[in-house]
Amino acid sequence: MFSARVGRIIVGKVGYTVCCLFAAILVVVSGYAHRAVADLNGIGDGITIGGSSSVGAMNILVMGLESRTNFKGQCLSAALLTAMHAGKVSSCEDQTVGSQDTDTLILVHIFAGGQKAVGFSIPRDDLVTYPKAYYDGITTGKIDQAYYFAYVTSLDSTYGSSMRATERYQQANDAGQAAEIATVESVTGVKINNYVVMNLAGFFGLAQDFGGVEVCVTPTTVNGVADANLSDQASGWNAVADGYNVKKGGSQYLHLAADQALAFVRDRDSLPDTDLSRTHRQQAVIDYVIWQLKHENAFSDIGQLTALLSDADQYVITNKGFNLFNFATNMSALTGKNLKFYTLPIAGYSDIELNGSMQDVNDIDLSYIQKVVNTAFNPPAPAAKSGKAAVKKKAVPIPPASTVTVDVYNGGSTSGLAGGVSQALVSLGYKQGAVGDAPPGQTVAADTEVFYGAGASANAAKIATDFGTSASALASLAAGHVEVLLGTTSTVVPAGLSSSSTSSGSATPTPSSTAPADNGEAGGVVTVGANAKYGIPCVY
């Protein structure tokens, strides 16, 4: 039977994210990186994953725990918990707040050469079948609970033994990491080569050493409440206190100190679609970190680097053999422009009795998720041409995207997909046209169709390629217009439409006043507008 203890922790969860996937890259631009090799090697105290390498193509799983403890099972100090708005020591000790659930899961593929990467945020409420039974024989649950169930099972098995406390908690964390890795592999269908796990104190300390983060917030109405996403009591998030001017309105940039940076990425209750929207906040902060490293030479001071790494083993764990120094060196050419983030698609929502309590879960389509991930991680190589076909033809000039208006209609059932596609096209320079559902009574094919008016055939053909189809002329379309009719089987924004999704921009643009069109439900990208400040998108 599902224990009351486990039930309390699930009900009392407060969201958390480790936004810095590339914690290792914090040393890339530092001229003193070679001095930190010993410190970096000191955090690789996790489990061994067979065949892992620190360079070359690889899949990395980033796990962010909502734990109020360090990796030795000790509750964080009262001062730290207060600063993080994360409860009291007594609540940590009686386990009414926090747990070892992985509130953040990001699976990233590094392409060979380290100059390009693509990642997927995995919604924590996805309902999955675990590869093996964990706590109390549980085999079905949310994807973020695998770590915790295995962790508790391990602690229970060593209770009363002669093992030292540090050994018990080391073994419990090993079990949690192995369980979460196996679960993500079974869902996505890919092999994980390396991993990084960070606990609650880790992000806070990292944000402090980094001097805070820059974010761009777009206000939105949630459940009829205007500007609802500007504050959240549970996480302590307060945009207005941090400088957001409601009277000014629109998207605004804010510099957040460590406590508010943590609150920003923990908040979910004030956001449309909660965790699905929160994944975009995570991705936006990663964009900023990458931009900062490339443009501001962060951590060029050995004192800053020493502060970052002094207690790293308390809040960061990697698998044995994952050499962060070699990894960081290999990744030195990566820029935000070549880093793409998506959110794994869901099939719908359910409210079910799960392991002893009623819970909201995300229903997922395993085969479709695996297809999406495999396509992104292993894109097909362009077909080789020979003979006459290999002779280059003079390219037909494609009119600038800014001269073409694109209408997007959703013929399927995925909420928000038309908006996500439209936003991606706008980020590529196209003018936004009509956005909405296909008109009632209109015949909609299974696959997406693309149509064009006079003068827009070349642009339509380019857009159609991203959907794996061809474009057709439509006499009723106005000149300079393209129409995208999303098919009944369409559920995600095509990867090809996201070429500017995390680009590094100039330092002096004005944020767009347009609210983000895609909330993550469709699995789409977070888009960065042209010349976005710090190369970050404006998010809810």
Protein backbone atom coordinates (compact mmCIF):
# COMPACT_ATOMS: atom_id res chain seq x y z
CA MET A 1 0.00 0.00 0.00
CA PHE A 2 1.19 3.50 -0.80
CA SER A 3 2.46 5.02 2.46
CA ALA A 4 1.11 8.23 4.02
CA ARG A 5 4.68 9.49 4.14
CA VAL A 6 5.05 9.24 0.35
CA GLY A 7 1.60 10.78 -0.12
CA ARG A 8 2.46 13.83 1.99
CA ILE A 9 5.60 14.48 0.02
CA ILE A 10 3.83 14.23 -3.34
CA VAL A 11 1.03 16.56 -2.26
CA GLY A 12 3.44 19.05 -0.71
CA LYS A 13 5.81 19.28 -3.64
CA VAL A 14 7.14 22.66 -4.65
CA GLY A 15 8.64 22.84 -8.14
CA TYR A 16 12.35 23.29 -8.79
CA THR A 17 14.62 23.37 -11.78
CA VAL A 18 18.30 23.10 -12.49
CA CYS A 19 18.51 25.53 -15.36
CA CYS A 20 22.22 25.27 -15.93
CA LEU A 21 22.46 22.16 -18.05
CA PHE A 22 25.95 23.15 -18.97
CA ALA A 23 27.25 23.69 -15.43
CA ALA A 24 30.51 22.36 -16.77
CA ILE A 25 30.67 25.13 -19.37
CA LEU A 26 31.00 27.65 -16.56
CA VAL A 27 34.73 27.00 -16.90
CA VAL A 28 34.93 27.11 -20.70
CA VAL A 29 35.66 30.81 -21.06
CA SER A 30 37.80 30.95 -17.96
CA GLY A 31 41.53 31.24 -18.50
CA TYR A 32 41.96 29.53 -15.16
CA ALA A 33 40.02 26.38 -15.97
CA HIS A 34 43.12 24.20 -15.77
CA ARG A 35 43.51 25.12 -12.12
CA ALA A 36 40.12 23.63 -11.31
CA VAL A 37 40.63 20.14 -12.68
CA ALA A 38 40.85 18.57 -9.21
CA ASP A 39 37.67 20.33 -8.08
CA LEU A 40 35.81 19.27 -11.20
CA ASN A 41 36.88 15.65 -10.86
CA GLY A 42 35.66 15.73 -7.26
CA ILE A 43 31.99 15.91 -8.22
CA GLY A 44 31.94 12.83 -10.45
CA ASP A 45 30.85 10.58 -7.62
CA GLY A 46 27.74 9.08 -9.18
CA ILE A 47 27.14 5.72 -10.76
CA THR A 48 29.04 4.30 -13.72
CA ILE A 49 27.28 4.28 -17.09
CA GLY A 50 28.79 1.82 -19.54
CA GLY A 51 30.49 3.23 -22.62
CA SER A 52 30.39 6.86 -21.49
CA SER A 53 32.68 9.44 -23.04
CA SER A 54 33.37 13.07 -22.14
CA VAL A 55 33.83 14.20 -25.76
CA GLY A 56 32.09 13.56 -29.05
CA ALA A 57 28.42 12.87 -29.68
CA MET A 58 26.48 11.99 -26.53
CA ASN A 59 23.16 12.14 -24.72
CA ILE A 60 23.15 13.88 -21.34
CA LEU A 61 20.34 13.75 -18.78
CA VAL A 62 20.07 16.71 -16.44
CA MET A 63 18.15 16.10 -13.22
CA GLY A 64 17.06 18.81 -10.81
CA LEU A 65 15.93 17.56 -7.40
CA GLU A 66 13.42 19.44 -5.23
CA SER A 67 15.30 18.20 -2.17
CA ARG A 68 15.72 20.39 0.93
CA THR A 69 18.73 18.29 1.89
CA ASN A 70 22.27 17.88 0.64
CA PHE A 71 23.42 14.62 -0.86
CA LYS A 72 24.36 13.36 2.61
CA GLY A 73 20.72 13.54 3.72
CA GLN A 74 21.28 16.56 5.97
CA CYS A 75 18.63 19.29 6.00
CA LEU A 76 19.75 22.65 4.67
CA SER A 77 20.29 25.46 7.16
CA ALA A 78 17.41 27.64 8.33
CA ALA A 79 19.05 30.69 6.76
CA LEU A 80 19.37 28.98 3.40
CA LEU A 81 15.83 27.59 3.44
CA THR A 82 14.49 31.04 4.31
CA ALA A 83 16.49 32.70 1.55
CA MET A 84 15.16 30.15 -0.95
CA HIS A 85 11.56 30.44 0.31
CA ALA A 86 11.68 26.67 0.73
CA GLY A 87 10.12 26.05 4.13
CA LYS A 88 11.58 25.44 7.59
CA VAL A 89 14.13 23.00 8.97
CA SER A 90 11.38 21.32 11.01
CA SER A 91 9.36 20.75 7.82
CA CYS A 92 12.41 19.23 6.18
CA GLU A 93 13.03 16.98 9.17
CA ASP A 94 9.46 15.68 9.34
CA GLN A 95 9.44 15.38 5.50
CA THR A 96 6.34 17.52 4.92
CA VAL A 97 8.20 19.59 2.30
CA GLY A 98 10.65 18.55 -0.36
CA SER A 99 11.59 15.12 -1.63
CA GLN A 100 14.00 13.51 -4.03
CA ASP A 101 11.68 13.86 -7.01
CA THR A 102 13.33 15.15 -10.17
CA ASP A 103 11.19 18.21 -10.72
CA THR A 104 13.31 19.02 -13.74
CA LEU A 105 14.39 16.58 -16.42
CA ILE A 106 16.18 17.79 -19.54
CA LEU A 107 17.53 15.32 -22.09
CA VAL A 108 20.17 16.85 -24.36
CA HIS A 109 21.96 15.48 -27.39
CA ILE A 110 25.43 16.86 -28.11
CA PHE A 111 26.37 16.44 -31.75
CA ALA A 112 29.89 15.39 -32.68
CA GLY A 113 32.30 18.30 -32.47
CA GLY A 114 30.44 19.98 -29.60
CA GLN A 115 29.26 22.91 -31.73
CA LYS A 116 25.59 21.97 -31.81
CA ALA A 117 23.09 20.62 -29.28
CA VAL A 118 19.38 19.93 -29.03
CA GLY A 119 17.41 19.23 -25.87
CA PHE A 120 13.97 18.22 -24.65
CA SER A 121 12.41 19.28 -21.37
CA ILE A 122 10.40 16.35 -20.02
CA PRO A 123 7.19 17.40 -18.20
CA ARG A 124 7.39 16.03 -14.67
CA ASP A 125 3.76 14.87 -14.59
CA ASP A 126 4.07 12.47 -17.55
CA LEU A 127 2.46 9.16 -16.61
CA VAL A 128 4.88 6.27 -17.22
CA THR A 129 5.49 2.62 -16.47
CA TYR A 130 8.75 2.15 -14.60
CA PRO A 131 11.23 -0.44 -15.94
CA LYS A 132 11.05 -2.23 -12.57
CA ALA A 133 9.04 -2.08 -9.36
CA TYR A 134 10.36 0.33 -6.75
CA TYR A 135 8.81 1.50 -3.48
CA ASP A 136 6.04 -0.82 -2.21
CA GLY A 137 6.03 -2.62 -5.58
CA ILE A 138 4.97 0.52 -7.47
CA THR A 139 5.34 0.14 -11.23
CA THR A 140 3.29 3.09 -12.53
CA GLY A 141 3.65 6.75 -11.64
CA LYS A 142 4.87 10.14 -12.75
CA ILE A 143 8.22 10.24 -14.48
CA ASP A 144 9.73 12.53 -11.85
CA GLN A 145 9.01 10.05 -9.03
CA ALA A 146 11.33 7.28 -10.22
CA TYR A 147 14.35 8.77 -8.43
CA TYR A 148 12.46 9.15 -5.15
CA PHE A 149 10.88 5.68 -5.12
CA ALA A 150 14.26 4.00 -5.70
CA TYR A 151 15.91 6.35 -3.19
CA VAL A 152 13.46 5.47 -0.40
CA THR A 153 13.61 1.77 -1.24
CA SER A 154 17.39 1.86 -0.81
CA LEU A 155 17.24 3.75 2.50
CA ASP A 156 14.64 1.32 3.85
CA SER A 157 16.83 -1.64 2.90
CA THR A 158 19.83 -0.29 4.84
CA TYR A 159 17.93 1.01 7.88
CA GLY A 160 19.46 -0.36 11.08
CA SER A 161 22.53 -1.67 9.26
CA SER A 162 26.13 -1.01 10.24
CA MET A 163 26.63 1.33 7.26
CA ARG A 164 27.62 4.89 7.97
CA ALA A 165 25.01 7.55 7.19
CA THR A 166 27.10 8.97 4.34
CA GLU A 167 27.33 5.50 2.78
CA ARG A 168 23.57 4.93 3.08
CA TYR A 169 22.75 8.20 1.38
CA GLN A 170 25.39 7.67 -1.28
CA GLN A 171 23.81 4.31 -2.08
CA ALA A 172 20.30 5.82 -2.05
CA ASN A 173 21.30 8.55 -4.50
CA ASP A 174 22.98 5.96 -6.72
CA ALA A 175 19.73 3.98 -6.76
CA GLY A 176 17.71 7.09 -7.58
CA GLN A 177 19.98 8.09 -10.44
CA ALA A 178 19.91 4.60 -11.93
CA ALA A 179 16.10 4.44 -11.70
CA GLU A 180 15.55 7.84 -13.31
CA ILE A 181 17.99 7.09 -16.11
CA ALA A 182 16.35 3.75 -16.86
CA THR A 183 12.91 5.37 -16.86
CA VAL A 184 13.88 8.18 -19.23
CA GLU A 185 15.59 5.70 -21.54
CA SER A 186 12.44 3.56 -21.67
CA VAL A 187 10.27 6.57 -22.48
CA THR A 188 12.48 8.28 -25.06
CA GLY A 189 14.07 5.20 -26.61
CA VAL A 190 17.60 6.62 -26.47
CA LYS A 191 20.68 5.61 -24.52
CA ILE A 192 21.91 8.08 -21.90
CA ASN A 193 25.69 8.45 -21.89
CA ASN A 194 26.24 10.97 -19.09
CA TYR A 195 24.21 12.78 -16.48
CA VAL A 196 24.30 15.74 -14.13
CA VAL A 197 22.10 15.99 -11.02
CA MET A 198 21.75 19.10 -8.89
CA ASN A 199 19.78 19.64 -5.69
CA LEU A 200 17.87 22.69 -4.50
CA ALA A 201 20.84 24.41 -2.86
CA GLY A 202 22.89 23.88 -5.99
CA PHE A 203 20.93 26.25 -8.19
CA PHE A 204 20.78 28.88 -5.47
CA GLY A 205 24.55 28.77 -4.92
CA LEU A 206 25.23 28.77 -8.63
CA ALA A 207 22.95 31.77 -9.16
CA GLN A 208 24.72 33.61 -6.34
CA ASP A 209 28.16 32.98 -7.81
CA PHE A 210 26.88 33.91 -11.24
CA GLY A 211 25.60 37.27 -9.97
CA GLY A 212 21.95 36.50 -10.70
CA VAL A 213 20.24 36.05 -14.06
CA GLU A 214 18.46 38.20 -16.62
CA VAL A 215 14.94 37.24 -17.69
CA CYS A 216 12.23 38.70 -19.91
CA VAL A 217 8.70 38.35 -18.53
CA THR A 218 5.48 38.71 -20.50
CA PRO A 219 2.38 39.21 -18.31
CA THR A 220 -0.59 36.97 -18.95
CA THR A 221 -4.05 36.25 -17.61
CA VAL A 222 -4.55 32.94 -15.82
CA ASN A 223 -8.00 31.72 -14.77
CA GLY A 224 -9.42 35.18 -15.35
CA VAL A 225 -6.79 36.94 -13.21
CA ALA A 226 -4.80 39.60 -15.09
CA ASP A 227 -0.99 39.56 -14.68
CA ALA A 228 -1.32 36.38 -12.61
CA ASN A 229 2.13 35.13 -13.59
CA LEU A 230 3.90 38.09 -12.02
CA SER A 231 3.77 36.68 -8.49
CA ASP A 232 3.44 33.35 -6.71
CA GLN A 233 3.18 32.80 -2.97
CA ALA A 234 4.43 29.21 -2.94
CA SER A 235 7.75 29.94 -4.64
CA GLY A 236 8.17 33.54 -3.49
CA TRP A 237 8.29 34.83 -7.08
CA ASN A 238 7.49 38.57 -7.31
CA ALA A 239 8.21 40.32 -10.59
CA VAL A 240 6.87 43.68 -9.43
CA ALA A 241 9.19 43.75 -6.42
CA ASP A 242 12.04 43.01 -8.82
CA GLY A 243 11.27 45.99 -11.02
CA TYR A 244 8.47 44.96 -13.35
CA ASN A 245 6.31 47.99 -14.13
CA VAL A 246 2.71 46.87 -14.57
CA LYS A 247 1.67 50.33 -15.75
CA LYS A 248 4.19 50.12 -18.58
CA GLY A 249 2.86 46.73 -19.61
CA GLY A 250 4.22 44.31 -22.19
CA SER A 251 7.36 42.19 -22.03
CA GLN A 252 10.05 43.56 -19.74
CA TYR A 253 13.60 42.54 -18.83
CA LEU A 254 14.50 42.02 -15.17
CA HIS A 255 17.77 41.19 -13.42
CA LEU A 256 17.05 38.66 -10.69
CA ALA A 257 19.22 38.06 -7.65
CA ALA A 258 19.77 34.44 -6.59
CA ASP A 259 16.64 34.13 -4.44
CA GLN A 260 14.34 35.49 -7.13
CA ALA A 261 16.15 33.56 -9.88
CA LEU A 262 15.30 30.40 -7.95
CA ALA A 263 11.72 31.58 -7.37
CA PHE A 264 11.36 32.34 -11.10
CA VAL A 265 12.28 28.82 -12.13
CA ARG A 266 10.34 27.15 -9.28
CA ASP A 267 7.06 28.95 -9.90
CA ARG A 268 4.43 26.90 -11.67
CA ASP A 269 1.14 27.66 -9.93
CA SER A 270 0.81 31.12 -11.48
CA LEU A 271 1.51 29.96 -15.03
CA PRO A 272 -0.81 28.82 -17.81
CA ASP A 273 -0.49 25.01 -18.01
CA THR A 274 1.74 25.04 -14.91
CA ASP A 275 4.74 22.73 -15.52
CA LEU A 276 4.46 22.88 -19.29
CA SER A 277 4.82 26.65 -19.19
CA ARG A 278 7.56 26.40 -16.57
CA THR A 279 9.78 24.42 -18.93
CA HIS A 280 10.03 27.57 -21.05
CA ARG A 281 11.32 29.52 -18.07
CA GLN A 282 14.00 26.87 -17.59
CA GLN A 283 15.00 27.07 -21.22
CA ALA A 284 15.08 30.87 -21.20
CA VAL A 285 17.49 30.92 -18.26
CA ILE A 286 19.77 28.45 -20.03
CA ASP A 287 19.78 30.82 -23.02
CA TYR A 288 20.93 33.63 -20.76
CA VAL A 289 23.67 31.55 -19.14
CA ILE A 290 25.03 30.55 -22.55
CA TRP A 291 24.92 34.17 -23.76
CA GLN A 292 26.63 35.42 -20.61
CA LEU A 293 29.43 32.90 -20.90
CA LYS A 294 30.08 33.82 -24.51
CA HIS A 295 29.84 37.59 -24.21
CA GLU A 296 30.83 38.58 -20.69
CA ASN A 297 33.67 36.14 -19.97
CA ALA A 298 31.98 35.00 -16.77
CA PHE A 299 34.23 33.40 -14.15
CA SER A 300 37.43 34.79 -15.59
CA ASP A 301 38.31 35.57 -11.97
CA ILE A 302 39.84 32.60 -10.14
CA GLY A 303 38.09 33.74 -6.96
CA GLN A 304 34.68 33.38 -8.59
CA LEU A 305 35.58 29.96 -9.92
CA THR A 306 36.86 28.82 -6.54
CA ALA A 307 33.65 29.99 -4.87
CA LEU A 308 31.59 28.08 -7.40
CA LEU A 309 33.46 24.82 -6.98
CA SER A 310 34.37 24.93 -3.28
CA ASP A 311 31.34 22.93 -2.15
CA ALA A 312 30.27 21.52 -5.49
CA ASP A 313 30.18 17.97 -4.20
CA GLN A 314 27.36 19.04 -1.85
CA TYR A 315 25.02 19.94 -4.66
CA VAL A 316 26.24 18.49 -7.98
CA ILE A 317 26.78 14.87 -8.94
CA THR A 318 27.84 13.42 -12.28
CA ASN A 319 28.45 9.86 -13.35
CA LYS A 320 31.87 8.36 -12.79
CA GLY A 321 34.12 8.90 -15.78
CA PHE A 322 32.37 12.07 -16.96
CA ASN A 323 35.32 14.45 -17.11
CA LEU A 324 33.78 17.91 -16.97
CA PHE A 325 37.02 19.65 -17.89
CA ASN A 326 37.33 17.65 -21.12
CA PHE A 327 33.62 18.08 -21.80
CA ALA A 328 33.79 21.85 -21.28
CA THR A 329 36.81 22.17 -23.53
CA ASN A 330 35.07 20.16 -26.25
CA MET A 331 31.97 22.38 -25.95
CA SER A 332 33.84 25.69 -26.19
CA ALA A 333 32.49 26.40 -29.68
CA LEU A 334 28.82 26.01 -28.69
CA THR A 335 26.69 29.13 -28.96
CA GLY A 336 23.07 29.79 -28.14
CA LYS A 337 22.42 29.99 -31.87
CA ASN A 338 23.17 26.29 -32.18
CA LEU A 339 21.34 25.22 -29.03
CA LYS A 340 17.67 24.25 -29.51
CA PHE A 341 15.20 23.37 -26.76
CA TYR A 342 11.83 21.73 -27.07
CA THR A 343 9.26 20.33 -24.65
CA LEU A 344 8.25 16.70 -25.12
CA PRO A 345 4.66 16.57 -26.40
CA ILE A 346 1.80 15.23 -24.32
CA ALA A 347 -1.38 13.58 -25.60
CA GLY A 348 -3.72 15.04 -22.97
CA TYR A 349 -4.50 15.36 -19.29
CA SER A 350 -6.11 12.99 -16.80
CA ASP A 351 -7.15 13.11 -13.15
CA ILE A 352 -6.66 9.61 -11.80
CA GLU A 353 -6.16 7.70 -8.58
CA LEU A 354 -2.44 7.01 -8.53
CA ASN A 355 -0.58 5.20 -5.77
CA GLY A 356 -3.11 6.04 -3.08
CA SER A 357 -4.19 9.59 -4.01
CA MET A 358 -5.96 11.52 -6.78
CA GLN A 359 -3.39 13.17 -9.04
CA ASP A 360 -3.27 15.17 -12.25
CA VAL A 361 -1.12 13.47 -14.87
CA ASN A 362 -0.08 13.98 -18.47
CA ASP A 363 -1.02 11.20 -20.86
CA ILE A 364 1.73 10.50 -23.40
CA ASP A 365 2.14 8.59 -26.65
CA LEU A 366 5.36 6.60 -26.25
CA SER A 367 5.82 5.68 -29.90
CA TYR A 368 5.32 9.28 -30.99
CA ILE A 369 7.70 10.65 -28.35
CA GLN A 370 10.38 8.20 -29.41
CA LYS A 371 9.90 9.18 -33.04
CA VAL A 372 10.22 12.89 -32.20
CA VAL A 373 13.36 12.40 -30.10
CA ASN A 374 15.02 10.07 -32.58
CA THR A 375 14.38 12.48 -35.46
CA ALA A 376 15.89 15.39 -33.53
CA PHE A 377 18.90 13.45 -32.25
CA ASN A 378 19.55 11.56 -35.50
CA PRO A 379 18.46 13.78 -38.38
CA PRO A 380 18.63 12.05 -41.79
CA ALA A 381 21.70 12.87 -43.84
CA PRO A 382 21.00 14.73 -47.08
CA ALA A 383 20.76 12.38 -50.03
CA ALA A 384 23.85 12.33 -52.22
CA LYS A 385 23.39 13.26 -55.86
CA SER A 386 25.37 11.97 -58.83
CA GLY A 387 25.73 12.60 -62.55
CA LYS A 388 23.66 15.36 -64.07
CA ALA A 389 21.61 15.65 -60.89
CA ALA A 390 24.74 16.77 -59.07
CA VAL A 391 25.26 19.75 -61.37
CA LYS A 392 24.33 22.91 -59.54
CA LYS A 393 21.44 24.86 -60.95
CA LYS A 394 21.23 28.59 -60.55
CA ALA A 395 19.25 29.19 -57.38
CA VAL A 396 15.94 30.98 -57.71
CA PRO A 397 15.96 33.94 -55.32
CA ILE A 398 13.52 33.54 -52.42
CA PRO A 399 11.73 36.76 -51.48
CA PRO A 400 12.55 38.04 -47.97
CA ALA A 401 10.40 36.43 -45.29
CA SER A 402 9.32 39.90 -44.19
CA THR A 403 7.39 40.31 -47.45
CA VAL A 404 5.21 37.22 -46.83
CA THR A 405 2.23 36.87 -44.49
CA VAL A 406 1.52 33.38 -43.14
CA ASP A 407 -1.89 32.22 -41.92
CA VAL A 408 -1.89 29.11 -39.71
CA TYR A 409 -4.97 26.99 -39.05
CA ASN A 410 -5.12 23.98 -36.72
CA GLY A 411 -6.94 21.01 -38.20
CA GLY A 412 -5.98 18.69 -35.35
CA SER A 413 -6.78 18.51 -31.65
CA THR A 414 -3.53 19.75 -30.07
CA SER A 415 -4.36 22.94 -28.18
CA GLY A 416 -2.13 25.92 -28.96
CA LEU A 417 -0.36 24.27 -31.90
CA ALA A 418 -1.40 26.89 -34.48
CA GLY A 419 -0.06 29.61 -32.20
CA GLY A 420 3.20 27.74 -31.68
CA VAL A 421 3.74 27.29 -35.43
CA SER A 422 2.84 30.92 -36.10
CA GLN A 423 5.25 32.14 -33.41
CA ALA A 424 8.06 30.02 -34.87
CA LEU A 425 7.41 31.45 -38.34
CA VAL A 426 7.34 35.00 -36.98
CA SER A 427 10.70 34.36 -35.30
CA LEU A 428 12.03 33.48 -38.77
CA GLY A 429 10.91 36.85 -40.10
CA TYR A 430 7.47 36.12 -41.61
CA LYS A 431 4.53 38.41 -40.96
CA GLN A 432 1.88 36.93 -38.69
CA GLY A 433 -1.46 36.39 -40.38
CA ALA A 434 -4.59 34.67 -39.16
CA VAL A 435 -4.14 32.10 -36.38
CA GLY A 436 -6.85 29.73 -35.23
CA ASP A 437 -8.71 26.48 -35.81
CA ALA A 438 -9.69 25.29 -39.26
CA PRO A 439 -13.13 26.62 -40.26
CA PRO A 440 -16.03 24.27 -39.40
CA GLY A 441 -16.85 21.95 -42.25
CA GLN A 442 -13.48 22.30 -43.94
CA THR A 443 -11.94 19.03 -45.06
CA VAL A 444 -8.63 18.49 -43.28
CA ALA A 445 -6.08 15.89 -44.38
CA ALA A 446 -4.03 13.78 -41.98
CA ASP A 447 -0.83 15.53 -43.05
CA THR A 448 -0.22 19.27 -43.07
CA GLU A 449 -0.95 21.16 -46.30
CA VAL A 450 0.71 24.40 -47.43
CA PHE A 451 -0.84 26.78 -49.97
CA TYR A 452 0.33 30.04 -51.50
CA GLY A 453 -0.91 33.11 -53.32
CA ALA A 454 0.81 35.01 -56.12
CA GLY A 455 4.48 35.80 -55.47
CA ALA A 456 4.84 33.49 -52.46
CA SER A 457 5.54 30.13 -54.09
CA ALA A 458 9.24 30.00 -53.15
CA ASN A 459 8.58 30.86 -49.51
CA ALA A 460 5.72 28.37 -49.35
CA ALA A 461 7.96 25.65 -50.76
CA LYS A 462 10.56 26.40 -48.07
CA ILE A 463 7.96 26.25 -45.29
CA ALA A 464 6.42 23.08 -46.73
CA THR A 465 9.79 21.34 -46.58
CA ASP A 466 9.78 21.65 -42.80
CA PHE A 467 6.47 19.76 -42.73
CA GLY A 468 7.69 17.08 -45.11
CA THR A 469 5.26 18.09 -47.82
CA SER A 470 4.99 20.29 -50.93
CA ALA A 471 3.16 23.57 -51.51
CA SER A 472 0.21 24.16 -53.82
CA ALA A 473 -1.20 27.31 -55.40
CA LEU A 474 -4.57 28.54 -54.11
CA ALA A 475 -6.32 31.11 -56.25
CA SER A 476 -8.37 32.45 -53.34
CA LEU A 477 -5.25 33.42 -51.37
CA ALA A 478 -4.14 37.05 -51.59
CA ALA A 479 -0.80 37.87 -53.20
CA GLY A 480 2.13 37.48 -50.83
CA HIS A 481 0.20 35.11 -48.53
CA VAL A 482 0.95 31.55 -47.45
CA GLU A 483 -1.56 29.33 -45.65
CA VAL A 484 -0.52 26.42 -43.41
CA LEU A 485 -3.33 23.97 -42.65
CA LEU A 486 -2.09 21.68 -39.90
CA GLY A 487 -3.19 18.10 -40.43
CA THR A 488 -5.23 15.98 -38.03
CA THR A 489 -2.09 14.07 -36.98
CA SER A 490 0.01 17.19 -36.32
CA THR A 491 0.98 17.59 -32.66
CA VAL A 492 4.31 19.46 -32.58
CA VAL A 493 6.07 22.43 -34.13
CA PRO A 494 8.49 21.02 -36.75
CA ALA A 495 12.13 21.22 -35.72
CA GLY A 496 13.04 23.01 -38.94
CA LEU A 497 10.97 26.04 -37.98
CA SER A 498 13.10 26.71 -34.91
CA SER A 499 16.32 27.94 -36.50
CA SER A 500 16.31 31.09 -34.39
CA SER A 501 14.83 29.61 -31.26
CA THR A 502 17.85 30.22 -29.05
CA SER A 503 20.02 32.57 -31.04
CA SER A 504 22.40 34.97 -29.40
CA GLY A 505 21.29 38.53 -30.03
CA SER A 506 22.65 42.03 -29.69
CA ALA A 507 22.77 43.78 -26.36
CA THR A 508 20.40 46.67 -27.09
CA PRO A 509 17.05 45.53 -28.54
CA THR A 510 13.52 46.14 -27.35
CA PRO A 511 11.53 43.10 -26.14
CA SER A 512 8.53 42.11 -28.17
CA SER A 513 5.17 43.00 -26.68
CA THR A 514 3.65 39.89 -28.20
CA ALA A 515 2.87 37.19 -25.64
CA PRO A 516 4.45 33.77 -26.24
CA ALA A 517 2.11 31.84 -28.52
CA ASP A 518 3.09 28.34 -27.46
CA ASN A 519 2.91 27.22 -23.83
CA GLY A 520 4.84 24.00 -24.27
CA GLU A 521 1.85 21.71 -24.54
CA ALA A 522 2.46 21.06 -28.22
CA GLY A 523 6.11 20.24 -27.65
CA GLY A 524 7.17 23.40 -29.47
CA VAL A 525 10.23 25.54 -29.04
CA VAL A 526 10.69 28.72 -27.09
CA THR A 527 11.42 31.31 -29.75
CA VAL A 528 13.80 34.24 -29.52
CA GLY A 529 12.91 37.29 -31.57
CA ALA A 530 15.41 39.04 -33.80
CA ASN A 531 17.99 41.01 -31.79
CA ALA A 532 16.59 39.75 -28.48
CA LYS A 533 18.52 41.14 -25.55
CA TYR A 534 21.02 38.62 -24.17
CA GLY A 535 19.70 36.07 -26.67
CA ILE A 536 16.79 35.17 -24.39
CA PRO A 537 13.09 34.76 -25.21
CA CYS A 538 10.31 36.60 -23.42
CA VAL A 539 8.28 34.01 -21.52
CA TYR A 540 5.31 33.87 -19.16
